[in-house]
Amino acid sequence: MAAGDTTITMIGNLVDDPELRFTPSG
């Protein structure tokens, strides 16, 4: 359960705010 939740959370974060990863801070 924990491993599955972690994977879903990681994927969810990447899909939820993909622009934040590509957008330069500042």
C-alpha atoms as a PDB file:
ATOM      1  CA  MET A   1       0.000   0.000   0.000  1.00  0.00           C
ATOM      2  CA  ALA A   2       2.705   2.485   1.011  1.00  0.00           C
ATOM      3  CA  ALA A   3       4.807   1.846  -2.086  1.00  0.00           C
ATOM      4  CA  GLY A   4       1.744   2.124  -4.333  1.00  0.00           C
ATOM      5  CA  ASP A   5       0.614   5.351  -2.659  1.00  0.00           C
ATOM      6  CA  THR A   6       4.101   6.843  -3.017  1.00  0.00           C
ATOM      7  CA  THR A   7       4.189   6.035  -6.731  1.00  0.00           C
ATOM      8  CA  ILE A   8       0.737   7.518  -7.259  1.00  0.00           C
ATOM      9  CA  THR A   9       1.717  10.624  -5.297  1.00  0.00           C
ATOM     10  CA  MET A  10       4.906  11.129  -7.320  1.00  0.00           C
ATOM     11  CA  ILE A  11       3.059  10.695 -10.629  1.00  0.00           C
ATOM     12  CA  GLY A  12       0.209  12.865  -9.382  1.00  0.00           C
ATOM     13  CA  ASN A  13       2.622  15.669  -8.482  1.00  0.00           C
ATOM     14  CA  LEU A  14       4.323  15.519 -11.888  1.00  0.00           C
ATOM     15  CA  VAL A  15       0.982  15.537 -13.696  1.00  0.00           C
ATOM     16  CA  ASP A  16      -0.669  18.000 -11.330  1.00  0.00           C
ATOM     17  CA  ASP A  17       1.895  20.788 -11.792  1.00  0.00           C
ATOM     18  CA  PRO A  18       4.151  19.926 -14.754  1.00  0.00           C
ATOM     19  CA  GLU A  19       4.746  23.595 -15.533  1.00  0.00           C
ATOM     20  CA  LEU A  20       6.441  24.137 -12.159  1.00  0.00           C
ATOM     21  CA  ARG A  21       9.169  21.668 -13.171  1.00  0.00           C
ATOM     22  CA  PHE A  22       9.776  23.416 -16.502  1.00  0.00           C
ATOM     23  CA  THR A  23       9.230  26.963 -15.261  1.00  0.00           C
ATOM     24  CA  PRO A  24      12.426  28.567 -13.854  1.00  0.00           C
ATOM     25  CA  SER A  25      12.166  29.637 -10.224  1.00  0.00           C
ATOM     26  CA  GLY A  26      11.886  33.428  -9.953  1.00  0.00           C
END
